[in-house]
Amino acid sequence: MTRSSSCWLWEVRKSYASYSDYREELLSRKGRSILHELSDAELHDLADAIATDSGYEMNEPVREQDRWTIFFAQAR
């Protein structure tokens, strides 16, 4: 029998002086290979949705974070 558990770890990917700086980098697809799958229109829709859902103002600082899941297991 194996017991397992997990926990989350948040890593700061990058801090931006403003949401507009974050949006500019997002739209450039820099360092985000998965965004190359989106058309320019889809990418703009995504950036708009992030702004709306997050509530960020264009001049508000943004801290981008990645969530990692760490799994622990112990065999008995």
C-alpha atoms as a PDB file:
ATOM      1  CA  MET A   1       0.000   0.000   0.000  1.00  0.00           C
ATOM      2  CA  THR A   2       1.209   3.510  -0.791  1.00  0.00           C
ATOM      3  CA  ARG A   3       0.267   6.681   1.048  1.00  0.00           C
ATOM      4  CA  SER A   4       0.488   9.943  -0.802  1.00  0.00           C
ATOM      5  CA  SER A   5      -0.212  13.610  -0.287  1.00  0.00           C
ATOM      6  CA  SER A   6       0.513  16.830  -2.109  1.00  0.00           C
ATOM      7  CA  CYS A   7       1.035  20.511  -1.496  1.00  0.00           C
ATOM      8  CA  TRP A   8       1.295  23.645  -3.611  1.00  0.00           C
ATOM      9  CA  LEU A   9       4.283  25.909  -3.936  1.00  0.00           C
ATOM     10  CA  TRP A  10       3.947  29.375  -5.478  1.00  0.00           C
ATOM     11  CA  GLU A  11       6.969  30.693  -7.358  1.00  0.00           C
ATOM     12  CA  VAL A  12       7.201  34.328  -8.467  1.00  0.00           C
ATOM     13  CA  ARG A  13       7.920  34.218 -12.180  1.00  0.00           C
ATOM     14  CA  LYS A  14       8.304  37.959 -12.666  1.00  0.00           C
ATOM     15  CA  SER A  15       7.151  41.277 -11.237  1.00  0.00           C
ATOM     16  CA  TYR A  16       5.891  44.070 -13.482  1.00  0.00           C
ATOM     17  CA  ALA A  17       5.623  47.774 -12.700  1.00  0.00           C
ATOM     18  CA  SER A  18       2.141  47.849 -14.235  1.00  0.00           C
ATOM     19  CA  TYR A  19      -0.493  45.637 -15.791  1.00  0.00           C
ATOM     20  CA  SER A  20       0.172  47.346 -19.125  1.00  0.00           C
ATOM     21  CA  ASP A  21       3.822  46.107 -18.941  1.00  0.00           C
ATOM     22  CA  TYR A  22       2.567  42.586 -18.205  1.00  0.00           C
ATOM     23  CA  ARG A  23       0.038  42.782 -21.053  1.00  0.00           C
ATOM     24  CA  GLU A  24       2.727  43.978 -23.483  1.00  0.00           C
ATOM     25  CA  GLU A  25       4.966  41.008 -22.640  1.00  0.00           C
ATOM     26  CA  LEU A  26       2.031  38.596 -22.798  1.00  0.00           C
ATOM     27  CA  LEU A  27       1.102  39.859 -26.269  1.00  0.00           C
ATOM     28  CA  SER A  28       4.722  39.426 -27.405  1.00  0.00           C
ATOM     29  CA  ARG A  29       4.483  35.723 -26.414  1.00  0.00           C
ATOM     30  CA  LYS A  30       7.954  36.052 -24.832  1.00  0.00           C
ATOM     31  CA  GLY A  31       8.861  32.978 -22.793  1.00  0.00           C
ATOM     32  CA  ARG A  32       5.428  31.408 -23.240  1.00  0.00           C
ATOM     33  CA  SER A  33       5.591  28.844 -26.012  1.00  0.00           C
ATOM     34  CA  ILE A  34       2.003  27.711 -25.478  1.00  0.00           C
ATOM     35  CA  LEU A  35       0.774  31.158 -26.550  1.00  0.00           C
ATOM     36  CA  HIS A  36       2.131  30.556 -30.052  1.00  0.00           C
ATOM     37  CA  GLU A  37      -0.847  28.238 -30.548  1.00  0.00           C
ATOM     38  CA  LEU A  38      -3.232  31.211 -30.301  1.00  0.00           C
ATOM     39  CA  SER A  39      -4.064  33.622 -33.101  1.00  0.00           C
ATOM     40  CA  ASP A  40      -3.403  37.304 -32.472  1.00  0.00           C
ATOM     41  CA  ALA A  41      -7.140  37.886 -31.942  1.00  0.00           C
ATOM     42  CA  GLU A  42      -7.352  35.002 -29.431  1.00  0.00           C
ATOM     43  CA  LEU A  43      -4.311  36.326 -27.591  1.00  0.00           C
ATOM     44  CA  HIS A  44      -5.849  39.803 -27.306  1.00  0.00           C
ATOM     45  CA  ASP A  45      -9.074  38.190 -26.027  1.00  0.00           C
ATOM     46  CA  LEU A  46      -7.028  36.297 -23.418  1.00  0.00           C
ATOM     47  CA  ALA A  47      -5.231  39.477 -22.281  1.00  0.00           C
ATOM     48  CA  ASP A  48      -8.584  41.266 -22.013  1.00  0.00           C
ATOM     49  CA  ALA A  49     -10.084  38.371 -20.020  1.00  0.00           C
ATOM     50  CA  ILE A  50      -7.113  38.351 -17.616  1.00  0.00           C
ATOM     51  CA  ALA A  51      -7.537  42.092 -17.037  1.00  0.00           C
ATOM     52  CA  THR A  52     -11.284  41.715 -16.451  1.00  0.00           C
ATOM     53  CA  ASP A  53     -11.087  38.604 -14.257  1.00  0.00           C
ATOM     54  CA  SER A  54      -8.134  39.800 -12.164  1.00  0.00           C
ATOM     55  CA  GLY A  55      -9.446  43.314 -11.642  1.00  0.00           C
ATOM     56  CA  TYR A  56      -6.026  44.832 -12.357  1.00  0.00           C
ATOM     57  CA  GLU A  57      -5.914  48.474 -13.380  1.00  0.00           C
ATOM     58  CA  MET A  58      -3.524  49.315 -16.252  1.00  0.00           C
ATOM     59  CA  ASN A  59      -1.125  51.192 -13.926  1.00  0.00           C
ATOM     60  CA  GLU A  60      -1.274  48.663 -11.076  1.00  0.00           C
ATOM     61  CA  PRO A  61       1.813  46.491 -10.330  1.00  0.00           C
ATOM     62  CA  VAL A  62       1.522  42.789 -11.202  1.00  0.00           C
ATOM     63  CA  ARG A  63       3.337  39.817  -9.704  1.00  0.00           C
ATOM     64  CA  GLU A  64       3.132  36.819 -12.024  1.00  0.00           C
ATOM     65  CA  GLN A  65       3.290  33.489 -10.215  1.00  0.00           C
ATOM     66  CA  ASP A  66       3.531  29.843 -11.244  1.00  0.00           C
ATOM     67  CA  ARG A  67       1.907  27.184  -9.083  1.00  0.00           C
ATOM     68  CA  TRP A  68       3.803  23.934  -8.624  1.00  0.00           C
ATOM     69  CA  THR A  69       2.253  20.821  -7.163  1.00  0.00           C
ATOM     70  CA  ILE A  70       4.593  18.684  -5.090  1.00  0.00           C
ATOM     71  CA  PHE A  71       3.595  15.086  -4.487  1.00  0.00           C
ATOM     72  CA  PHE A  72       4.826  12.972  -1.598  1.00  0.00           C
ATOM     73  CA  ALA A  73       4.494   9.196  -1.506  1.00  0.00           C
ATOM     74  CA  GLN A  74       5.536   6.572   0.949  1.00  0.00           C
ATOM     75  CA  ALA A  75       5.462   2.856   0.219  1.00  0.00           C
ATOM     76  CA  ARG A  76       4.630   0.554   3.057  1.00  0.00           C
END
